[in-house]
Amino acid sequence: MPTRAACWKTVRSHSPRTPRCARRNVNGVAVPFSPNPRNTLYAFNFVGPAARLQVTRLRQELGPRLVQMTRELREAMKRSPGPRLAPPEIYEP
């Protein structure tokens, strides 16, 4: 069984992985997402009971879908205008 550090290393990579971490009766795949270098790192994932969510399906179908989704999301965020900042309000009691 992989160590916790190995699981986090998997999450940090940019390709879908399917480590059997924590519990053996659960399978999952995760893809990291960082909209830009200054933002927090997010993760999109699929997780389910090992009896119903086979590792081969995770690797061949769901993992690539997650990768494609993060690519499309990143492109959509590049096309959208940035946030509009309102001028700061001055509070006087």
C-alpha atoms as a PDB file:
ATOM      1  CA  MET A   1       0.000   0.000   0.000  1.00  0.00           C
ATOM      2  CA  PRO A   2       1.443   3.434  -0.951  1.00  0.00           C
ATOM      3  CA  THR A   3       2.458   5.895   1.716  1.00  0.00           C
ATOM      4  CA  ARG A   4       0.615   9.160   2.234  1.00  0.00           C
ATOM      5  CA  ALA A   5       3.523  11.013   0.583  1.00  0.00           C
ATOM      6  CA  ALA A   6       3.181   8.809  -2.498  1.00  0.00           C
ATOM      7  CA  CYS A   7      -0.529   9.619  -2.670  1.00  0.00           C
ATOM      8  CA  TRP A   8       0.139  13.366  -2.517  1.00  0.00           C
ATOM      9  CA  LYS A   9       2.858  13.039  -5.136  1.00  0.00           C
ATOM     10  CA  THR A  10       0.259  11.432  -7.379  1.00  0.00           C
ATOM     11  CA  VAL A  11      -2.213  14.265  -6.806  1.00  0.00           C
ATOM     12  CA  ARG A  12       0.447  16.849  -7.665  1.00  0.00           C
ATOM     13  CA  SER A  13       1.247  15.298 -11.053  1.00  0.00           C
ATOM     14  CA  HIS A  14      -0.726  16.515 -14.058  1.00  0.00           C
ATOM     15  CA  SER A  15      -1.815  13.124 -15.336  1.00  0.00           C
ATOM     16  CA  PRO A  16      -4.616  11.066 -13.856  1.00  0.00           C
ATOM     17  CA  ARG A  17      -3.472   8.392 -11.442  1.00  0.00           C
ATOM     18  CA  THR A  18      -5.263   5.766  -9.466  1.00  0.00           C
ATOM     19  CA  PRO A  19      -3.358   5.052  -6.256  1.00  0.00           C
ATOM     20  CA  ARG A  20      -4.906   2.600  -3.847  1.00  0.00           C
ATOM     21  CA  CYS A  21      -4.489   4.839  -0.836  1.00  0.00           C
ATOM     22  CA  ALA A  22      -6.086   4.799   2.568  1.00  0.00           C
ATOM     23  CA  ARG A  23      -8.670   2.033   2.024  1.00  0.00           C
ATOM     24  CA  ARG A  24      -8.625  -0.896  -0.328  1.00  0.00           C
ATOM     25  CA  ASN A  25     -12.389  -0.968  -0.825  1.00  0.00           C
ATOM     26  CA  VAL A  26     -12.439   2.462  -2.499  1.00  0.00           C
ATOM     27  CA  ASN A  27     -11.050   3.391  -5.920  1.00  0.00           C
ATOM     28  CA  GLY A  28     -10.577   6.904  -7.197  1.00  0.00           C
ATOM     29  CA  VAL A  29      -8.815   9.129  -9.664  1.00  0.00           C
ATOM     30  CA  ALA A  30      -7.920  12.809  -9.245  1.00  0.00           C
ATOM     31  CA  VAL A  31      -6.544  15.583 -11.426  1.00  0.00           C
ATOM     32  CA  PRO A  32      -4.969  18.759 -10.007  1.00  0.00           C
ATOM     33  CA  PHE A  33      -6.147  22.154 -11.247  1.00  0.00           C
ATOM     34  CA  SER A  34      -4.449  25.483 -10.745  1.00  0.00           C
ATOM     35  CA  PRO A  35      -6.039  28.345 -12.711  1.00  0.00           C
ATOM     36  CA  ASN A  36      -2.822  30.356 -12.534  1.00  0.00           C
ATOM     37  CA  PRO A  37       0.424  30.181 -10.565  1.00  0.00           C
ATOM     38  CA  ARG A  38      -0.824  32.566  -7.853  1.00  0.00           C
ATOM     39  CA  ASN A  39      -3.993  30.612  -7.027  1.00  0.00           C
ATOM     40  CA  THR A  40      -4.615  27.714  -4.734  1.00  0.00           C
ATOM     41  CA  LEU A  41      -4.295  24.192  -6.072  1.00  0.00           C
ATOM     42  CA  TYR A  42      -7.647  22.453  -6.510  1.00  0.00           C
ATOM     43  CA  ALA A  43      -8.423  18.817  -7.281  1.00  0.00           C
ATOM     44  CA  PHE A  44     -11.246  17.273  -9.272  1.00  0.00           C
ATOM     45  CA  ASN A  45     -11.890  13.618  -8.563  1.00  0.00           C
ATOM     46  CA  PHE A  46     -14.053  10.562  -8.973  1.00  0.00           C
ATOM     47  CA  VAL A  47     -14.265   8.176  -6.019  1.00  0.00           C
ATOM     48  CA  GLY A  48     -16.420   5.150  -5.460  1.00  0.00           C
ATOM     49  CA  PRO A  49     -16.657   1.640  -4.054  1.00  0.00           C
ATOM     50  CA  ALA A  50     -14.085  -0.672  -5.612  1.00  0.00           C
ATOM     51  CA  ALA A  51     -16.794  -3.235  -6.364  1.00  0.00           C
ATOM     52  CA  ARG A  52     -18.617  -0.752  -8.647  1.00  0.00           C
ATOM     53  CA  LEU A  53     -15.784   1.499  -9.894  1.00  0.00           C
ATOM     54  CA  GLN A  54     -13.101  -0.582 -11.564  1.00  0.00           C
ATOM     55  CA  VAL A  55      -9.522   0.699 -11.875  1.00  0.00           C
ATOM     56  CA  THR A  56      -9.494   0.071 -15.642  1.00  0.00           C
ATOM     57  CA  ARG A  57     -12.566   2.309 -16.075  1.00  0.00           C
ATOM     58  CA  LEU A  58     -10.896   5.007 -13.994  1.00  0.00           C
ATOM     59  CA  ARG A  59      -7.730   4.919 -16.074  1.00  0.00           C
ATOM     60  CA  GLN A  60      -9.285   4.535 -19.516  1.00  0.00           C
ATOM     61  CA  GLU A  61     -12.496   6.570 -19.272  1.00  0.00           C
ATOM     62  CA  LEU A  62     -12.902   8.773 -16.220  1.00  0.00           C
ATOM     63  CA  GLY A  63      -9.290   9.940 -15.796  1.00  0.00           C
ATOM     64  CA  PRO A  64      -9.025  11.222 -19.389  1.00  0.00           C
ATOM     65  CA  ARG A  65     -12.419  12.939 -18.984  1.00  0.00           C
ATOM     66  CA  LEU A  66     -11.132  14.768 -15.916  1.00  0.00           C
ATOM     67  CA  VAL A  67      -7.990  15.852 -17.775  1.00  0.00           C
ATOM     68  CA  GLN A  68     -10.097  17.148 -20.684  1.00  0.00           C
ATOM     69  CA  MET A  69     -12.461  18.943 -18.310  1.00  0.00           C
ATOM     70  CA  THR A  70      -9.587  20.776 -16.590  1.00  0.00           C
ATOM     71  CA  ARG A  71      -8.151  21.784 -19.989  1.00  0.00           C
ATOM     72  CA  GLU A  72     -11.521  23.177 -21.075  1.00  0.00           C
ATOM     73  CA  LEU A  73     -11.973  24.966 -17.762  1.00  0.00           C
ATOM     74  CA  ARG A  74      -8.513  26.513 -17.980  1.00  0.00           C
ATOM     75  CA  GLU A  75      -9.208  27.738 -21.542  1.00  0.00           C
ATOM     76  CA  ALA A  76     -12.615  29.147 -20.520  1.00  0.00           C
ATOM     77  CA  MET A  77     -11.012  31.018 -17.636  1.00  0.00           C
ATOM     78  CA  LYS A  78      -8.411  32.507 -20.000  1.00  0.00           C
ATOM     79  CA  ARG A  79     -11.200  33.788 -22.288  1.00  0.00           C
ATOM     80  CA  SER A  80     -13.286  35.312 -19.501  1.00  0.00           C
ATOM     81  CA  PRO A  81     -12.653  38.876 -18.386  1.00  0.00           C
ATOM     82  CA  GLY A  82     -10.900  39.279 -15.088  1.00  0.00           C
ATOM     83  CA  PRO A  83     -12.723  40.328 -11.934  1.00  0.00           C
ATOM     84  CA  ARG A  84     -13.894  43.918 -11.699  1.00  0.00           C
ATOM     85  CA  LEU A  85     -12.699  45.510  -8.509  1.00  0.00           C
ATOM     86  CA  ALA A  86     -14.944  48.089  -6.899  1.00  0.00           C
ATOM     87  CA  PRO A  87     -13.302  51.136  -5.366  1.00  0.00           C
ATOM     88  CA  PRO A  88     -12.734  50.698  -1.657  1.00  0.00           C
ATOM     89  CA  GLU A  89     -15.325  52.208   0.631  1.00  0.00           C
ATOM     90  CA  ILE A  90     -14.201  54.440   3.427  1.00  0.00           C
ATOM     91  CA  TYR A  91     -15.924  53.627   6.670  1.00  0.00           C
ATOM     92  CA  GLU A  92     -16.356  56.444   9.119  1.00  0.00           C
ATOM     93  CA  PRO A  93     -18.146  55.646  12.380  1.00  0.00           C
END
